[in-house]
Amino acid sequence: MTTSDSGKDITLRIAQNPEADELLGRSPLAALVGMLLDQQVPMEWAFTGPYTLAERMGSDDLDASRIAAYDPDAFTELFTAKPALHRYPGSMAQRVQQLCQYLVAEYGGDASAVWRTAKTGDELLERLKALPGFGEQKARIFLALLGKQLGVRPTGWREAAGPYGEAGSRRSVADITGPESLVEVRAYKQEAKAAAKKAKSAKTAKKPGTARKK
């Protein structure tokens, strides 16, 4: 994952931290873990998590086999130590360990094998959706990240990624290439959240009231 299909070094600017972004660019597992952590916390916090975790494990990278075999309580402590790796460190520690256990069982601990041997975008999407902690939306976003920034582009990858695969979009972490695009993506998310809240309120207001019993 260090170089793209064109042979150029990959430079990510998602975490907005040089060391954390460098790890994301060269480590398939770090990228997967960052995506897993990307919920209910700022994107920068989530994608800095793999780097902080590697540091706390005394390494310059993450190893799926080591994490899978780690004592669960001790692994949770790595997440809960201040500053915590996530708003919900306990549950996320469990999810990361489950992800690594799955990668060991299904891919021999090689995270890149999830996409390296996928022949089509649809096949890759199904593989990503099968990962613990990856639902439909998270899988599509990560697929878009692979295609847009990490040079992983099986046939039909944009279509499989859905709206997140659109060129020039500012919908997700897949579109973050620096501070300016981070602001744009965050603004889009806030607008989408506000629109969804407004639509929900309008729908609730249209529901007929429940008649009172006499």
N, C-alpha and C. Protein backbone atom coordinates (compact mmCIF):
# COMPACT_ATOMS: atom_id res chain seq x y z
N MET A 1 0.82 -1.20 0.00
CA MET A 1 0.00 0.00 0.00
C MET A 1 0.86 1.25 0.00
N THR A 2 2.19 1.09 0.00
CA THR A 2 3.08 2.23 0.04
C THR A 2 3.07 3.01 -1.26
N THR A 3 2.86 2.30 -2.38
CA THR A 3 2.82 2.97 -3.68
C THR A 3 1.53 2.65 -4.39
N SER A 4 1.10 3.55 -5.25
CA SER A 4 -0.11 3.34 -6.02
C SER A 4 0.21 2.53 -7.26
N ASP A 5 -0.82 2.25 -8.07
CA ASP A 5 -0.61 1.49 -9.29
C ASP A 5 0.35 2.20 -10.25
N SER A 6 0.44 3.51 -10.13
CA SER A 6 1.32 4.27 -11.01
C SER A 6 2.76 4.29 -10.50
N GLY A 7 2.99 3.66 -9.36
CA GLY A 7 4.33 3.59 -8.81
C GLY A 7 4.69 4.77 -7.91
N LYS A 8 3.78 5.70 -7.73
CA LYS A 8 4.05 6.87 -6.90
C LYS A 8 3.76 6.56 -5.43
N ASP A 9 4.55 7.17 -4.55
CA ASP A 9 4.31 7.00 -3.12
C ASP A 9 2.96 7.58 -2.76
N ILE A 10 2.29 6.90 -1.84
CA ILE A 10 0.97 7.35 -1.41
C ILE A 10 1.11 8.29 -0.21
N THR A 11 0.51 9.44 -0.31
CA THR A 11 0.50 10.40 0.78
C THR A 11 -0.94 10.67 1.19
N LEU A 12 -1.27 10.32 2.42
CA LEU A 12 -2.61 10.57 2.94
C LEU A 12 -2.55 11.75 3.90
N ARG A 13 -3.66 12.46 3.98
CA ARG A 13 -3.76 13.60 4.92
C ARG A 13 -5.13 13.57 5.60
N ILE A 14 -5.46 12.41 6.12
CA ILE A 14 -6.75 12.21 6.76
C ILE A 14 -6.69 12.56 8.25
N ALA A 15 -5.67 12.06 8.92
CA ALA A 15 -5.53 12.29 10.36
C ALA A 15 -5.05 13.70 10.67
N GLN A 16 -4.52 14.40 9.66
CA GLN A 16 -3.96 15.73 9.86
C GLN A 16 -2.79 15.68 10.85
N ASN A 17 -2.11 14.55 10.86
CA ASN A 17 -0.94 14.32 11.70
C ASN A 17 0.06 13.56 10.83
N PRO A 18 1.23 14.11 10.55
CA PRO A 18 2.16 13.49 9.62
C PRO A 18 2.50 12.04 9.93
N GLU A 19 2.79 11.74 11.19
CA GLU A 19 3.17 10.38 11.56
C GLU A 19 1.99 9.42 11.41
N ALA A 20 0.83 9.86 11.85
CA ALA A 20 -0.36 9.01 11.74
C ALA A 20 -0.74 8.78 10.29
N ASP A 21 -0.67 9.82 9.47
CA ASP A 21 -1.00 9.68 8.06
C ASP A 21 0.02 8.80 7.32
N GLU A 22 1.27 8.90 7.71
CA GLU A 22 2.31 8.05 7.09
C GLU A 22 2.01 6.58 7.34
N LEU A 23 1.58 6.27 8.56
CA LEU A 23 1.23 4.89 8.89
C LEU A 23 0.02 4.43 8.08
N LEU A 24 -0.98 5.28 7.96
CA LEU A 24 -2.17 4.93 7.18
C LEU A 24 -1.81 4.63 5.73
N GLY A 25 -0.84 5.36 5.19
CA GLY A 25 -0.47 5.19 3.80
C GLY A 25 0.31 3.93 3.52
N ARG A 26 0.99 3.40 4.53
CA ARG A 26 1.81 2.21 4.29
C ARG A 26 1.27 0.94 4.93
N SER A 27 0.29 1.07 5.80
CA SER A 27 -0.21 -0.09 6.54
C SER A 27 -1.68 -0.38 6.23
N PRO A 28 -1.95 -1.46 5.51
CA PRO A 28 -3.35 -1.83 5.22
C PRO A 28 -4.19 -2.00 6.48
N LEU A 29 -3.61 -2.63 7.50
CA LEU A 29 -4.37 -2.86 8.74
C LEU A 29 -4.67 -1.54 9.44
N ALA A 30 -3.71 -0.62 9.45
CA ALA A 30 -3.95 0.68 10.08
C ALA A 30 -5.10 1.41 9.40
N ALA A 31 -5.15 1.33 8.07
CA ALA A 31 -6.24 1.98 7.34
C ALA A 31 -7.59 1.36 7.70
N LEU A 32 -7.64 0.03 7.79
CA LEU A 32 -8.88 -0.65 8.16
C LEU A 32 -9.31 -0.29 9.58
N VAL A 33 -8.35 -0.27 10.50
CA VAL A 33 -8.67 0.07 11.89
C VAL A 33 -9.15 1.51 12.00
N GLY A 34 -8.51 2.41 11.27
CA GLY A 34 -8.95 3.80 11.27
C GLY A 34 -10.38 3.93 10.80
N MET A 35 -10.72 3.19 9.73
CA MET A 35 -12.09 3.22 9.21
C MET A 35 -13.06 2.63 10.23
N LEU A 36 -12.66 1.59 10.90
CA LEU A 36 -13.51 0.98 11.92
C LEU A 36 -13.80 1.96 13.06
N LEU A 37 -12.79 2.73 13.45
CA LEU A 37 -12.94 3.68 14.56
C LEU A 37 -13.71 4.93 14.16
N ASP A 38 -13.92 5.13 12.87
CA ASP A 38 -14.54 6.35 12.38
C ASP A 38 -16.05 6.33 12.55
N GLN A 39 -16.47 6.51 13.77
CA GLN A 39 -17.89 6.65 14.10
C GLN A 39 -18.03 7.31 15.46
N GLN A 40 -18.86 8.32 15.50
CA GLN A 40 -19.18 9.06 16.72
C GLN A 40 -17.98 9.79 17.33
N VAL A 41 -16.94 9.99 16.53
CA VAL A 41 -15.81 10.82 16.93
C VAL A 41 -15.33 11.59 15.70
N PRO A 42 -14.62 12.71 15.88
CA PRO A 42 -14.07 13.42 14.73
C PRO A 42 -13.19 12.50 13.89
N MET A 43 -13.19 12.70 12.58
CA MET A 43 -12.42 11.84 11.68
C MET A 43 -10.94 11.83 12.01
N GLU A 44 -10.39 12.99 12.39
CA GLU A 44 -8.97 13.05 12.71
C GLU A 44 -8.63 12.16 13.91
N TRP A 45 -9.51 12.17 14.89
CA TRP A 45 -9.33 11.35 16.10
C TRP A 45 -9.33 9.87 15.72
N ALA A 46 -10.30 9.48 14.92
CA ALA A 46 -10.42 8.08 14.53
C ALA A 46 -9.19 7.59 13.78
N PHE A 47 -8.72 8.38 12.81
CA PHE A 47 -7.62 7.92 11.97
C PHE A 47 -6.24 8.16 12.58
N THR A 48 -6.19 8.84 13.70
CA THR A 48 -4.95 8.91 14.48
C THR A 48 -4.84 7.70 15.40
N GLY A 49 -5.98 7.07 15.67
CA GLY A 49 -6.04 5.92 16.57
C GLY A 49 -5.06 4.80 16.26
N PRO A 50 -4.94 4.36 15.00
CA PRO A 50 -4.00 3.27 14.70
C PRO A 50 -2.55 3.60 15.07
N TYR A 51 -2.15 4.85 14.83
CA TYR A 51 -0.79 5.27 15.17
C TYR A 51 -0.58 5.24 16.68
N THR A 52 -1.55 5.78 17.42
CA THR A 52 -1.45 5.79 18.88
C THR A 52 -1.44 4.36 19.42
N LEU A 53 -2.25 3.50 18.85
CA LEU A 53 -2.30 2.10 19.29
C LEU A 53 -0.97 1.42 19.03
N ALA A 54 -0.40 1.63 17.85
CA ALA A 54 0.90 1.02 17.53
C ALA A 54 1.97 1.48 18.52
N GLU A 55 1.96 2.77 18.84
CA GLU A 55 2.91 3.31 19.81
C GLU A 55 2.76 2.63 21.16
N ARG A 56 1.52 2.47 21.60
CA ARG A 56 1.27 1.86 22.91
C ARG A 56 1.63 0.38 22.94
N MET A 57 1.67 -0.22 21.75
CA MET A 57 2.07 -1.63 21.65
C MET A 57 3.57 -1.75 21.41
N GLY A 58 4.26 -0.62 21.40
CA GLY A 58 5.71 -0.62 21.23
C GLY A 58 6.16 -1.00 19.84
N SER A 59 5.38 -0.60 18.83
CA SER A 59 5.70 -0.98 17.45
C SER A 59 5.48 0.20 16.51
N ASP A 60 6.01 0.07 15.29
CA ASP A 60 5.79 1.12 14.29
C ASP A 60 4.71 0.71 13.30
N ASP A 61 4.00 -0.39 13.59
CA ASP A 61 2.91 -0.85 12.74
C ASP A 61 1.98 -1.72 13.58
N LEU A 62 0.85 -2.06 13.01
CA LEU A 62 -0.10 -2.96 13.67
C LEU A 62 0.03 -4.34 13.07
N ASP A 63 -0.10 -5.35 13.90
CA ASP A 63 0.01 -6.73 13.46
C ASP A 63 -1.27 -7.47 13.85
N ALA A 64 -2.00 -7.96 12.85
CA ALA A 64 -3.30 -8.60 13.11
C ALA A 64 -3.17 -9.83 14.01
N SER A 65 -2.16 -10.64 13.78
CA SER A 65 -2.00 -11.85 14.59
C SER A 65 -1.72 -11.52 16.05
N ARG A 66 -0.90 -10.52 16.26
CA ARG A 66 -0.57 -10.11 17.63
C ARG A 66 -1.80 -9.56 18.34
N ILE A 67 -2.55 -8.71 17.65
CA ILE A 67 -3.75 -8.13 18.25
C ILE A 67 -4.80 -9.20 18.52
N ALA A 68 -4.95 -10.13 17.58
CA ALA A 68 -5.95 -11.19 17.73
C ALA A 68 -5.68 -12.04 18.96
N ALA A 69 -4.40 -12.24 19.28
CA ALA A 69 -4.03 -13.11 20.40
C ALA A 69 -3.83 -12.34 21.71
N TYR A 70 -3.98 -11.03 21.67
CA TYR A 70 -3.73 -10.19 22.84
C TYR A 70 -4.76 -10.48 23.93
N ASP A 71 -4.31 -10.42 25.17
CA ASP A 71 -5.26 -10.57 26.29
C ASP A 71 -6.32 -9.47 26.18
N PRO A 72 -7.60 -9.83 26.15
CA PRO A 72 -8.67 -8.83 25.94
C PRO A 72 -8.65 -7.68 26.95
N ASP A 73 -8.43 -7.99 28.21
CA ASP A 73 -8.42 -6.94 29.22
C ASP A 73 -7.24 -6.00 29.03
N ALA A 74 -6.09 -6.57 28.72
CA ALA A 74 -4.90 -5.76 28.50
C ALA A 74 -5.05 -4.91 27.24
N PHE A 75 -5.71 -5.48 26.23
CA PHE A 75 -5.91 -4.73 24.99
C PHE A 75 -6.86 -3.56 25.22
N THR A 76 -7.87 -3.80 26.04
CA THR A 76 -8.81 -2.72 26.37
C THR A 76 -8.10 -1.59 27.10
N GLU A 77 -7.14 -1.94 27.93
CA GLU A 77 -6.38 -0.92 28.66
C GLU A 77 -5.59 -0.03 27.71
N LEU A 78 -5.16 -0.58 26.58
CA LEU A 78 -4.45 0.22 25.58
C LEU A 78 -5.37 1.30 25.01
N PHE A 79 -6.65 0.99 24.95
CA PHE A 79 -7.63 1.94 24.43
C PHE A 79 -8.10 2.95 25.48
N THR A 80 -8.19 2.51 26.71
CA THR A 80 -8.74 3.36 27.76
C THR A 80 -7.70 4.27 28.40
N ALA A 81 -6.41 3.96 28.23
CA ALA A 81 -5.36 4.82 28.79
C ALA A 81 -5.51 6.23 28.23
N LYS A 82 -5.29 7.23 29.07
CA LYS A 82 -5.48 8.61 28.65
C LYS A 82 -4.30 9.09 27.78
N PRO A 83 -4.58 9.79 26.70
CA PRO A 83 -5.92 10.08 26.16
C PRO A 83 -6.51 8.84 25.49
N ALA A 84 -7.80 8.61 25.73
CA ALA A 84 -8.47 7.42 25.20
C ALA A 84 -8.45 7.44 23.67
N LEU A 85 -8.43 6.26 23.08
CA LEU A 85 -8.37 6.15 21.62
C LEU A 85 -9.72 6.43 20.97
N HIS A 86 -10.79 6.43 21.77
CA HIS A 86 -12.12 6.61 21.20
C HIS A 86 -13.07 7.06 22.30
N ARG A 87 -14.18 7.61 21.91
CA ARG A 87 -15.20 8.01 22.88
C ARG A 87 -15.72 6.79 23.63
N TYR A 88 -15.75 5.64 22.96
CA TYR A 88 -16.18 4.39 23.59
C TYR A 88 -15.03 3.39 23.49
N PRO A 89 -13.98 3.60 24.27
CA PRO A 89 -12.76 2.79 24.13
C PRO A 89 -12.95 1.31 24.39
N GLY A 90 -13.78 0.96 25.35
CA GLY A 90 -13.97 -0.45 25.66
C GLY A 90 -14.58 -1.24 24.52
N SER A 91 -15.69 -0.74 24.00
CA SER A 91 -16.38 -1.44 22.91
C SER A 91 -15.55 -1.43 21.63
N MET A 92 -14.83 -0.33 21.37
CA MET A 92 -14.04 -0.26 20.15
C MET A 92 -12.81 -1.15 20.24
N ALA A 93 -12.26 -1.32 21.42
CA ALA A 93 -11.14 -2.25 21.59
C ALA A 93 -11.60 -3.66 21.22
N GLN A 94 -12.79 -4.02 21.67
CA GLN A 94 -13.34 -5.34 21.36
C GLN A 94 -13.56 -5.50 19.86
N ARG A 95 -14.06 -4.45 19.20
CA ARG A 95 -14.31 -4.54 17.77
C ARG A 95 -13.02 -4.66 16.97
N VAL A 96 -12.00 -3.92 17.37
CA VAL A 96 -10.71 -4.01 16.67
C VAL A 96 -10.14 -5.41 16.82
N GLN A 97 -10.25 -5.97 18.01
CA GLN A 97 -9.74 -7.33 18.22
C GLN A 97 -10.53 -8.35 17.41
N GLN A 98 -11.84 -8.17 17.32
CA GLN A 98 -12.67 -9.06 16.51
C GLN A 98 -12.32 -8.95 15.03
N LEU A 99 -12.04 -7.74 14.58
CA LEU A 99 -11.64 -7.53 13.19
C LEU A 99 -10.34 -8.28 12.91
N CYS A 100 -9.37 -8.16 13.80
CA CYS A 100 -8.09 -8.83 13.59
C CYS A 100 -8.22 -10.35 13.66
N GLN A 101 -9.06 -10.83 14.54
CA GLN A 101 -9.29 -12.28 14.62
C GLN A 101 -9.90 -12.79 13.33
N TYR A 102 -10.79 -12.03 12.74
CA TYR A 102 -11.40 -12.41 11.46
C TYR A 102 -10.35 -12.40 10.35
N LEU A 103 -9.50 -11.38 10.33
CA LEU A 103 -8.46 -11.31 9.31
C LEU A 103 -7.48 -12.48 9.42
N VAL A 104 -7.18 -12.88 10.62
CA VAL A 104 -6.30 -14.04 10.82
C VAL A 104 -6.96 -15.31 10.32
N ALA A 105 -8.24 -15.48 10.65
CA ALA A 105 -8.96 -16.70 10.27
C ALA A 105 -9.21 -16.78 8.77
N GLU A 106 -9.54 -15.65 8.13
CA GLU A 106 -9.95 -15.65 6.73
C GLU A 106 -8.84 -15.27 5.75
N TYR A 107 -7.87 -14.47 6.21
CA TYR A 107 -6.85 -13.97 5.28
C TYR A 107 -5.42 -14.16 5.80
N GLY A 108 -5.26 -15.04 6.77
CA GLY A 108 -3.92 -15.29 7.29
C GLY A 108 -3.29 -14.08 7.95
N GLY A 109 -4.13 -13.14 8.38
CA GLY A 109 -3.63 -11.95 9.04
C GLY A 109 -3.18 -10.85 8.10
N ASP A 110 -3.35 -11.06 6.80
CA ASP A 110 -2.93 -10.08 5.79
C ASP A 110 -4.11 -9.21 5.39
N ALA A 111 -4.17 -8.01 5.94
CA ALA A 111 -5.31 -7.12 5.67
C ALA A 111 -5.43 -6.77 4.20
N SER A 112 -4.31 -6.60 3.51
CA SER A 112 -4.35 -6.21 2.10
C SER A 112 -4.96 -7.28 1.21
N ALA A 113 -4.98 -8.52 1.70
CA ALA A 113 -5.56 -9.62 0.91
C ALA A 113 -7.06 -9.43 0.72
N VAL A 114 -7.68 -8.63 1.59
CA VAL A 114 -9.11 -8.36 1.46
C VAL A 114 -9.40 -7.76 0.09
N TRP A 115 -8.54 -6.86 -0.37
CA TRP A 115 -8.78 -6.20 -1.66
C TRP A 115 -7.81 -6.62 -2.76
N ARG A 116 -6.66 -7.16 -2.38
CA ARG A 116 -5.64 -7.48 -3.40
C ARG A 116 -6.11 -8.51 -4.41
N THR A 117 -6.93 -9.45 -3.98
CA THR A 117 -7.37 -10.53 -4.87
C THR A 117 -8.81 -10.36 -5.35
N ALA A 118 -9.43 -9.24 -4.99
CA ALA A 118 -10.81 -9.00 -5.44
C ALA A 118 -10.79 -8.59 -6.91
N LYS A 119 -11.57 -9.27 -7.73
CA LYS A 119 -11.56 -9.01 -9.17
C LYS A 119 -12.51 -7.89 -9.60
N THR A 120 -13.55 -7.66 -8.82
CA THR A 120 -14.52 -6.62 -9.17
C THR A 120 -14.87 -5.77 -7.95
N GLY A 121 -15.44 -4.61 -8.23
CA GLY A 121 -15.87 -3.75 -7.14
C GLY A 121 -16.93 -4.40 -6.28
N ASP A 122 -17.85 -5.11 -6.90
CA ASP A 122 -18.91 -5.79 -6.14
C ASP A 122 -18.34 -6.87 -5.22
N GLU A 123 -17.35 -7.60 -5.72
CA GLU A 123 -16.72 -8.63 -4.89
C GLU A 123 -16.01 -7.99 -3.70
N LEU A 124 -15.32 -6.90 -3.95
CA LEU A 124 -14.63 -6.20 -2.88
C LEU A 124 -15.61 -5.65 -1.86
N LEU A 125 -16.72 -5.11 -2.33
CA LEU A 125 -17.73 -4.59 -1.41
C LEU A 125 -18.24 -5.69 -0.49
N GLU A 126 -18.52 -6.86 -1.04
CA GLU A 126 -19.01 -7.97 -0.22
C GLU A 126 -17.97 -8.40 0.81
N ARG A 127 -16.70 -8.39 0.43
CA ARG A 127 -15.64 -8.74 1.37
C ARG A 127 -15.56 -7.73 2.51
N LEU A 128 -15.68 -6.47 2.16
CA LEU A 128 -15.61 -5.43 3.18
C LEU A 128 -16.82 -5.50 4.12
N LYS A 129 -17.99 -5.76 3.57
CA LYS A 129 -19.20 -5.86 4.39
C LYS A 129 -19.14 -7.05 5.35
N ALA A 130 -18.33 -8.05 5.01
CA ALA A 130 -18.20 -9.23 5.87
C ALA A 130 -17.27 -8.98 7.06
N LEU A 131 -16.51 -7.89 7.02
CA LEU A 131 -15.58 -7.60 8.11
C LEU A 131 -16.36 -7.18 9.36
N PRO A 132 -15.98 -7.68 10.53
CA PRO A 132 -16.64 -7.25 11.78
C PRO A 132 -16.57 -5.73 11.94
N GLY A 133 -17.71 -5.13 12.22
CA GLY A 133 -17.75 -3.69 12.42
C GLY A 133 -17.97 -2.87 11.16
N PHE A 134 -18.04 -3.54 10.01
CA PHE A 134 -18.24 -2.83 8.74
C PHE A 134 -19.64 -3.11 8.20
N GLY A 135 -20.48 -2.08 8.25
CA GLY A 135 -21.80 -2.19 7.64
C GLY A 135 -21.74 -1.73 6.20
N GLU A 136 -22.90 -1.60 5.59
CA GLU A 136 -22.99 -1.21 4.18
C GLU A 136 -22.30 0.13 3.90
N GLN A 137 -22.64 1.14 4.67
CA GLN A 137 -22.10 2.48 4.42
C GLN A 137 -20.59 2.53 4.66
N LYS A 138 -20.14 1.97 5.76
CA LYS A 138 -18.70 1.99 6.07
C LYS A 138 -17.92 1.24 5.00
N ALA A 139 -18.48 0.13 4.51
CA ALA A 139 -17.80 -0.64 3.47
C ALA A 139 -17.69 0.17 2.18
N ARG A 140 -18.73 0.88 1.82
CA ARG A 140 -18.71 1.69 0.59
C ARG A 140 -17.72 2.85 0.71
N ILE A 141 -17.69 3.46 1.87
CA ILE A 141 -16.76 4.57 2.08
C ILE A 141 -15.31 4.09 1.99
N PHE A 142 -15.04 2.95 2.62
CA PHE A 142 -13.66 2.44 2.57
C PHE A 142 -13.29 2.01 1.16
N LEU A 143 -14.25 1.44 0.44
CA LEU A 143 -14.01 1.07 -0.96
C LEU A 143 -13.65 2.32 -1.76
N ALA A 144 -14.36 3.42 -1.51
CA ALA A 144 -14.07 4.67 -2.19
C ALA A 144 -12.69 5.19 -1.82
N LEU A 145 -12.31 5.05 -0.56
CA LEU A 145 -10.98 5.47 -0.11
C LEU A 145 -9.90 4.66 -0.82
N LEU A 146 -10.12 3.36 -0.92
CA LEU A 146 -9.16 2.51 -1.63
C LEU A 146 -8.99 2.96 -3.07
N GLY A 147 -10.10 3.24 -3.73
CA GLY A 147 -10.04 3.61 -5.14
C GLY A 147 -9.51 5.00 -5.38
N LYS A 148 -9.96 5.95 -4.57
CA LYS A 148 -9.59 7.34 -4.80
C LYS A 148 -8.18 7.69 -4.35
N GLN A 149 -7.74 7.08 -3.26
CA GLN A 149 -6.45 7.51 -2.71
C GLN A 149 -5.39 6.42 -2.58
N LEU A 150 -5.79 5.15 -2.62
CA LEU A 150 -4.82 4.09 -2.40
C LEU A 150 -4.58 3.22 -3.63
N GLY A 151 -5.12 3.64 -4.76
CA GLY A 151 -4.81 2.97 -6.02
C GLY A 151 -5.40 1.59 -6.19
N VAL A 152 -6.39 1.23 -5.39
CA VAL A 152 -7.04 -0.09 -5.51
C VAL A 152 -8.31 0.10 -6.33
N ARG A 153 -8.28 -0.32 -7.59
CA ARG A 153 -9.38 -0.01 -8.48
C ARG A 153 -9.82 -1.21 -9.33
N PRO A 154 -10.44 -2.19 -8.70
CA PRO A 154 -10.97 -3.30 -9.49
C PRO A 154 -12.12 -2.82 -10.37
N THR A 155 -12.43 -3.57 -11.38
CA THR A 155 -13.49 -3.19 -12.32
C THR A 155 -14.79 -2.87 -11.58
N GLY A 156 -15.36 -1.70 -11.88
CA GLY A 156 -16.62 -1.31 -11.27
C GLY A 156 -16.52 -0.80 -9.85
N TRP A 157 -15.33 -0.35 -9.44
CA TRP A 157 -15.18 0.08 -8.04
C TRP A 157 -16.01 1.33 -7.72
N ARG A 158 -16.09 2.27 -8.66
CA ARG A 158 -16.86 3.48 -8.39
C ARG A 158 -18.33 3.16 -8.20
N GLU A 159 -18.86 2.31 -9.06
CA GLU A 159 -20.27 1.93 -8.98
C GLU A 159 -20.55 1.21 -7.66
N ALA A 160 -19.63 0.34 -7.26
CA ALA A 160 -19.81 -0.41 -6.01
C ALA A 160 -19.77 0.51 -4.80
N ALA A 161 -18.98 1.57 -4.90
CA ALA A 161 -18.87 2.52 -3.79
C ALA A 161 -20.07 3.44 -3.70
N GLY A 162 -20.91 3.44 -4.72
CA GLY A 162 -22.10 4.29 -4.72
C GLY A 162 -21.72 5.77 -4.79
N PRO A 163 -22.49 6.65 -4.15
CA PRO A 163 -22.22 8.09 -4.20
C PRO A 163 -20.81 8.44 -3.70
N TYR A 164 -20.27 7.63 -2.79
CA TYR A 164 -18.95 7.91 -2.24
C TYR A 164 -17.84 7.75 -3.29
N GLY A 165 -18.14 7.04 -4.37
CA GLY A 165 -17.15 6.84 -5.41
C GLY A 165 -17.13 7.93 -6.46
N GLU A 166 -18.08 8.85 -6.40
CA GLU A 166 -18.17 9.91 -7.40
C GLU A 166 -16.93 10.80 -7.39
N ALA A 167 -16.40 11.07 -8.56
CA ALA A 167 -15.23 11.94 -8.68
C ALA A 167 -15.59 13.35 -8.25
N GLY A 168 -14.71 13.98 -7.49
CA GLY A 168 -14.92 15.36 -7.08
C GLY A 168 -15.90 15.56 -5.94
N SER A 169 -16.42 14.48 -5.37
CA SER A 169 -17.39 14.62 -4.28
C SER A 169 -16.68 15.01 -2.99
N ARG A 170 -17.46 15.46 -2.03
CA ARG A 170 -16.94 15.80 -0.71
C ARG A 170 -17.87 15.21 0.34
N ARG A 171 -18.07 13.90 0.23
CA ARG A 171 -19.04 13.21 1.07
C ARG A 171 -18.44 12.51 2.30
N SER A 172 -17.19 12.08 2.19
CA SER A 172 -16.67 11.19 3.22
C SER A 172 -15.17 11.32 3.39
N VAL A 173 -14.64 10.51 4.27
CA VAL A 173 -13.20 10.48 4.52
C VAL A 173 -12.43 10.13 3.25
N ALA A 174 -13.07 9.46 2.31
CA ALA A 174 -12.41 9.11 1.05
C ALA A 174 -12.02 10.34 0.25
N ASP A 175 -12.63 11.49 0.56
CA ASP A 175 -12.39 12.72 -0.19
C ASP A 175 -11.47 13.70 0.54
N ILE A 176 -10.97 13.31 1.69
CA ILE A 176 -10.12 14.22 2.46
C ILE A 176 -8.67 14.12 2.00
N THR A 177 -8.16 15.22 1.51
CA THR A 177 -6.77 15.27 1.05
C THR A 177 -5.99 16.39 1.73
N GLY A 178 -6.59 17.03 2.69
CA GLY A 178 -5.94 18.12 3.40
C GLY A 178 -6.94 18.91 4.22
N PRO A 179 -6.50 19.96 4.90
CA PRO A 179 -7.37 20.75 5.77
C PRO A 179 -8.61 21.31 5.08
N GLU A 180 -8.45 21.82 3.85
CA GLU A 180 -9.58 22.43 3.16
C GLU A 180 -10.68 21.42 2.84
N SER A 181 -10.27 20.27 2.31
CA SER A 181 -11.27 19.24 1.97
C SER A 181 -11.89 18.65 3.23
N LEU A 182 -11.13 18.63 4.33
CA LEU A 182 -11.69 18.17 5.61
C LEU A 182 -12.84 19.07 6.03
N VAL A 183 -12.65 20.38 5.89
CA VAL A 183 -13.70 21.35 6.23
C VAL A 183 -14.91 21.13 5.33
N GLU A 184 -14.67 20.88 4.04
CA GLU A 184 -15.76 20.68 3.10
C GLU A 184 -16.55 19.42 3.40
N VAL A 185 -15.83 18.35 3.72
CA VAL A 185 -16.50 17.09 4.05
C VAL A 185 -17.30 17.23 5.34
N ARG A 186 -16.72 17.91 6.30
CA ARG A 186 -17.43 18.10 7.58
C ARG A 186 -18.69 18.93 7.38
N ALA A 187 -18.60 19.94 6.52
CA ALA A 187 -19.76 20.79 6.24
C ALA A 187 -20.85 19.97 5.55
N TYR A 188 -20.45 19.10 4.62
CA TYR A 188 -21.42 18.24 3.93
C TYR A 188 -22.13 17.33 4.93
N LYS A 189 -21.35 16.73 5.84
CA LYS A 189 -21.94 15.83 6.82
C LYS A 189 -22.94 16.56 7.72
N GLN A 190 -22.59 17.77 8.12
CA GLN A 190 -23.48 18.56 8.98
C GLN A 190 -24.77 18.92 8.25
N GLU A 191 -24.65 19.27 6.97
CA GLU A 191 -25.83 19.60 6.17
C GLU A 191 -26.71 18.37 5.99
N ALA A 192 -26.10 17.24 5.72
CA ALA A 192 -26.85 16.00 5.53
C ALA A 192 -27.56 15.59 6.81
N LYS A 193 -26.89 15.78 7.93
CA LYS A 193 -27.48 15.44 9.23
C LYS A 193 -28.67 16.35 9.53
N ALA A 194 -28.51 17.65 9.23
CA ALA A 194 -29.59 18.61 9.47
C ALA A 194 -30.78 18.31 8.57
N ALA A 195 -30.51 17.95 7.31
CA ALA A 195 -31.59 17.63 6.38
C ALA A 195 -32.35 16.39 6.83
N ALA A 196 -31.60 15.39 7.31
CA ALA A 196 -32.23 14.16 7.78
C ALA A 196 -33.10 14.42 9.01
N LYS A 197 -32.62 15.29 9.89
CA LYS A 197 -33.38 15.64 11.10
C LYS A 197 -34.65 16.38 10.73
N LYS A 198 -34.53 17.28 9.75
CA LYS A 198 -35.69 18.06 9.30
C LYS A 198 -36.72 17.14 8.66
N ALA A 199 -36.26 16.20 7.84
CA ALA A 199 -37.17 15.27 7.18
C ALA A 199 -37.88 14.39 8.19
N LYS A 200 -37.16 13.99 9.22
CA LYS A 200 -37.74 13.14 10.26
C LYS A 200 -38.81 13.91 11.04
N SER A 201 -38.52 15.18 11.32
CA SER A 201 -39.47 16.01 12.06
C SER A 201 -40.75 16.23 11.24
N ALA A 202 -40.56 16.46 9.93
CA ALA A 202 -41.70 16.68 9.04
C ALA A 202 -42.56 15.42 8.95
N LYS A 203 -41.90 14.27 8.92
CA LYS A 203 -42.62 13.00 8.83
C LYS A 203 -43.42 12.75 10.10
N THR A 204 -42.81 13.07 11.24
CA THR A 204 -43.48 12.88 12.53
C THR A 204 -44.68 13.81 12.64
N ALA A 205 -44.56 15.04 12.15
CA ALA A 205 -45.64 16.02 12.23
C ALA A 205 -46.84 15.62 11.39
N LYS A 206 -46.61 14.87 10.33
CA LYS A 206 -47.69 14.45 9.43
C LYS A 206 -48.49 13.27 9.97
N LYS A 207 -47.92 12.55 10.96
CA LYS A 207 -48.62 11.39 11.50
C LYS A 207 -49.87 11.84 12.25
N PRO A 208 -50.99 11.16 12.01
CA PRO A 208 -52.22 11.51 12.74
C PRO A 208 -52.08 11.22 14.22
N GLY A 209 -52.66 12.11 15.02
CA GLY A 209 -52.57 11.91 16.47
C GLY A 209 -53.41 10.73 16.92
N THR A 210 -53.01 10.17 18.02
CA THR A 210 -53.74 9.02 18.56
C THR A 210 -54.97 9.50 19.30
N ALA A 211 -56.13 9.01 18.95
CA ALA A 211 -57.37 9.46 19.58
C ALA A 211 -57.41 9.05 21.05
N ARG A 212 -57.84 9.98 21.86
CA ARG A 212 -57.92 9.66 23.28
C ARG A 212 -59.15 8.81 23.57
N LYS A 213 -58.99 7.88 24.50
CA LYS A 213 -60.11 7.05 24.90
C LYS A 213 -60.98 7.83 25.88
N LYS A 214 -62.28 7.74 25.68
CA LYS A 214 -63.21 8.42 26.59
C LYS A 214 -63.44 7.58 27.84
